Amino acid sequence: SALGVRDPAAGLMIELTGPPRHARLRKLVTAAITPQFVNAMTPVIRAHARRLADTAVQEGEVDAVTMLTAPMPRLTIGSILGIPEQDQAEVTAMASRAITGSEASAVTPPTLAERRRCSEKGNNDLLMYFAEVIDEPHKLAADGMVRRLMDVELEGSRLTPDEVLLN
C-alpha cells in the first residue's frame, strides 16, 4: 500500500504479495526459470551477436554502439521473453519510457510531473502489450519466459493470466 491506497497488483505480483500467496507465486515463477532454460538462451544470444557482427562486417565501417551494442539488450531480452522480433523495438521503447520517465527524443529535460506521466504511460503500454500477447499466445515463442510462465504447473497450481502479466 502506497500512501494508504492498496496497490491493485497486491496478491498477484511476487513483490507485492505476502505469505502464503507469495510462496506459491515464487515457486511457480522460479519453476519456469530453470538452469536448462538459462543455458538454452546461450546459443540464441550468440546467434544475435553473430548476426549483428556479420551485418557490421558486410557494411565495412560502422558505429559499433549503434550496430553492435545498442541492439543486444533488446534482442536478448526479447528472446528471453519470447516476444516477436518485430515487436522488440516498440517494447524496448515502452520499457525505456517506463523506467526513465522520458522520451528518447526529448530535446529539453522533462519536469517531474511529465516524467511521472511518461513513466505511467510506458508502464500502461507495456501492460497492454503483454495482456494482448497473453490472450494470443501463438504470437509468443513456445520456449520464451512468458509462455513458460503461462504453461508452468506445480502441484496442480498454475499462474492466472493476471499473475503472468504482473510477474
Protein backbone atom coordinates (compact mmCIF):
# COMPACT_ATOMS: atom_id res chain seq x y z
CA SER A 1 0.00 0.00 0.00
CA ALA A 2 1.41 3.35 -1.05
CA LEU A 3 0.06 6.49 0.61
CA GLY A 4 -2.79 4.48 2.12
CA VAL A 5 -4.00 3.19 -1.25
CA ARG A 6 -3.92 -0.57 -1.89
CA ASP A 7 -1.85 -1.44 -4.94
CA PRO A 8 -4.02 -3.29 -7.49
CA ALA A 9 -1.14 -5.75 -8.09
CA ALA A 10 -1.11 -6.82 -4.43
CA GLY A 11 -1.73 -10.54 -4.22
CA LEU A 12 -0.79 -11.01 -7.88
CA MET A 13 2.79 -9.75 -8.12
CA ILE A 14 5.50 -11.50 -6.12
CA GLU A 15 7.00 -8.27 -4.77
CA LEU A 16 3.61 -7.04 -3.55
CA THR A 17 2.31 -10.27 -2.05
CA GLY A 18 2.69 -11.63 1.46
CA PRO A 19 2.58 -15.19 2.75
CA PRO A 20 1.21 -17.69 1.89
CA ARG A 21 0.43 -16.44 -1.66
CA HIS A 22 3.99 -15.13 -2.03
CA ALA A 23 5.41 -18.64 -1.64
CA ARG A 24 3.01 -20.04 -4.27
CA LEU A 25 3.87 -17.30 -6.79
CA ARG A 26 7.60 -17.62 -6.12
CA LYS A 27 7.56 -21.40 -6.59
CA LEU A 28 5.67 -21.16 -9.88
CA VAL A 29 7.80 -18.37 -11.30
CA THR A 30 11.09 -19.99 -10.28
CA ALA A 31 9.90 -23.31 -11.73
CA ALA A 32 9.76 -21.56 -15.12
CA ILE A 33 13.32 -20.23 -14.78
CA THR A 34 15.29 -23.45 -14.81
CA PRO A 35 19.02 -23.83 -15.41
CA GLN A 36 18.09 -25.57 -18.67
CA PHE A 37 16.11 -22.50 -19.77
CA VAL A 38 19.01 -20.19 -18.95
CA ASN A 39 21.50 -22.47 -20.74
CA ALA A 40 19.23 -22.68 -23.80
CA MET A 41 19.50 -18.90 -24.17
CA THR A 42 23.27 -19.02 -24.72
CA PRO A 43 23.15 -20.14 -28.38
CA VAL A 44 20.27 -17.73 -29.08
CA ILE A 45 22.26 -14.78 -27.72
CA ARG A 46 25.38 -15.92 -29.59
CA ALA A 47 23.34 -16.09 -32.82
CA HIS A 48 22.18 -12.49 -32.30
CA ALA A 49 25.79 -11.37 -31.74
CA ARG A 50 26.98 -13.24 -34.84
CA ARG A 51 24.19 -11.77 -36.98
CA LEU A 52 24.95 -8.23 -35.78
CA ALA A 53 28.70 -8.74 -36.34
CA ASP A 54 28.13 -10.22 -39.81
CA THR A 55 25.99 -7.24 -40.77
CA ALA A 56 28.63 -4.82 -39.46
CA VAL A 57 31.39 -6.64 -41.38
CA GLN A 58 29.32 -6.54 -44.59
CA GLU A 59 28.82 -2.80 -44.20
CA GLY A 60 32.54 -2.22 -43.66
CA GLU A 61 32.77 0.84 -41.45
CA VAL A 62 30.08 1.22 -38.78
CA ASP A 63 29.39 2.84 -35.44
CA ALA A 64 29.96 -0.09 -33.07
CA VAL A 65 27.50 1.20 -30.46
CA THR A 66 24.69 1.64 -32.99
CA MET A 67 25.32 -1.60 -34.88
CA LEU A 68 26.51 -3.96 -32.15
CA THR A 69 25.97 -2.96 -28.54
CA ALA A 70 22.71 -0.99 -28.72
CA PRO A 71 20.61 -3.79 -30.27
CA MET A 72 21.90 -6.60 -27.98
CA PRO A 73 19.81 -5.82 -24.87
CA ARG A 74 16.64 -5.57 -26.98
CA LEU A 75 17.36 -8.79 -28.84
CA THR A 76 18.44 -10.65 -25.71
CA ILE A 77 15.51 -9.59 -23.53
CA GLY A 78 13.10 -10.11 -26.41
CA SER A 79 14.40 -13.65 -26.90
CA ILE A 80 14.25 -14.42 -23.19
CA LEU A 81 10.65 -13.18 -23.01
CA GLY A 82 9.78 -14.89 -26.30
CA ILE A 83 8.23 -11.83 -27.95
CA PRO A 84 8.30 -11.50 -31.75
CA GLU A 85 11.39 -9.72 -33.08
CA GLN A 86 9.21 -7.24 -34.98
CA ASP A 87 7.75 -6.09 -31.61
CA GLN A 88 11.03 -5.81 -29.73
CA ALA A 89 11.95 -2.21 -30.65
CA GLU A 90 8.49 -0.99 -29.63
CA VAL A 91 8.55 -2.95 -26.36
CA THR A 92 12.05 -1.62 -25.63
CA ALA A 93 10.83 1.95 -26.18
CA MET A 94 7.87 1.37 -23.83
CA ALA A 95 10.17 -0.09 -21.17
CA SER A 96 12.56 2.83 -21.54
CA ARG A 97 9.71 5.31 -21.04
CA ALA A 98 8.51 3.36 -18.02
CA ILE A 99 11.98 3.29 -16.43
CA THR A 100 13.32 6.73 -17.34
CA GLY A 101 10.10 8.72 -17.47
CA SER A 102 11.18 10.40 -20.67
CA GLU A 103 11.10 10.01 -24.42
CA ALA A 104 14.40 9.17 -26.05
CA SER A 105 13.82 12.05 -28.48
CA ALA A 106 13.15 14.66 -25.77
CA VAL A 107 15.01 17.89 -26.53
CA THR A 108 14.54 19.53 -23.14
CA PRO A 109 14.61 17.75 -19.79
CA PRO A 110 11.07 16.86 -18.68
CA THR A 111 9.53 18.19 -15.49
CA LEU A 112 8.87 15.78 -12.62
CA ALA A 113 5.15 15.75 -13.50
CA GLU A 114 5.98 15.00 -17.16
CA ARG A 115 8.33 12.20 -16.10
CA ARG A 116 5.62 10.65 -13.93
CA ARG A 117 3.08 10.81 -16.78
CA CYS A 118 5.58 9.37 -19.25
CA SER A 119 6.57 6.59 -16.86
CA GLU A 120 2.93 5.76 -16.14
CA LYS A 121 2.14 5.68 -19.86
CA GLY A 122 5.15 3.44 -20.52
CA ASN A 123 4.02 1.03 -17.78
CA ASN A 124 0.44 1.04 -19.06
CA ASP A 125 1.60 0.48 -22.65
CA LEU A 126 3.73 -2.48 -21.51
CA LEU A 127 0.84 -3.99 -19.57
CA MET A 128 -1.49 -3.58 -22.55
CA TYR A 129 1.06 -5.14 -24.91
CA PHE A 130 1.63 -8.16 -22.69
CA ALA A 131 -2.10 -8.51 -21.94
CA GLU A 132 -2.69 -8.76 -25.70
CA VAL A 133 0.03 -11.34 -26.32
CA ILE A 134 -1.07 -13.39 -23.33
CA ASP A 135 -4.52 -13.52 -24.94
CA GLU A 136 -2.86 -14.63 -28.19
CA PRO A 137 -0.08 -16.99 -27.03
CA HIS A 138 0.59 -18.20 -30.60
CA LYS A 139 2.42 -14.87 -31.06
CA LEU A 140 4.93 -15.86 -28.37
CA ALA A 141 7.86 -18.24 -28.70
CA ALA A 142 6.96 -21.53 -27.04
CA ASP A 143 10.30 -21.59 -25.21
CA GLY A 144 10.17 -17.93 -24.08
CA MET A 145 9.66 -16.82 -20.49
CA VAL A 146 6.12 -15.51 -20.98
CA ARG A 147 4.88 -18.81 -22.44
CA ARG A 148 6.78 -20.73 -19.77
CA LEU A 149 5.00 -18.70 -17.09
CA MET A 150 1.69 -19.40 -18.82
CA ASP A 151 2.40 -23.13 -19.01
CA VAL A 152 4.12 -23.82 -15.68
CA GLU A 153 2.22 -26.09 -13.30
CA LEU A 154 3.28 -27.26 -9.84
CA GLU A 155 1.23 -29.42 -7.52
CA GLY A 156 -1.88 -28.71 -9.60
CA SER A 157 -1.41 -24.94 -9.38
CA ARG A 158 -0.91 -22.61 -12.34
CA LEU A 159 -0.45 -18.88 -12.66
CA THR A 160 -3.55 -16.95 -13.68
CA PRO A 161 -3.30 -14.66 -16.73
CA ASP A 162 -3.12 -11.64 -14.36
CA GLU A 163 -0.32 -13.29 -12.36
CA VAL A 164 1.61 -14.00 -15.58
CA LEU A 165 1.09 -10.41 -16.69
CA LEU A 166 2.28 -8.87 -13.44
CA ASN A 167 5.26 -11.15 -12.92
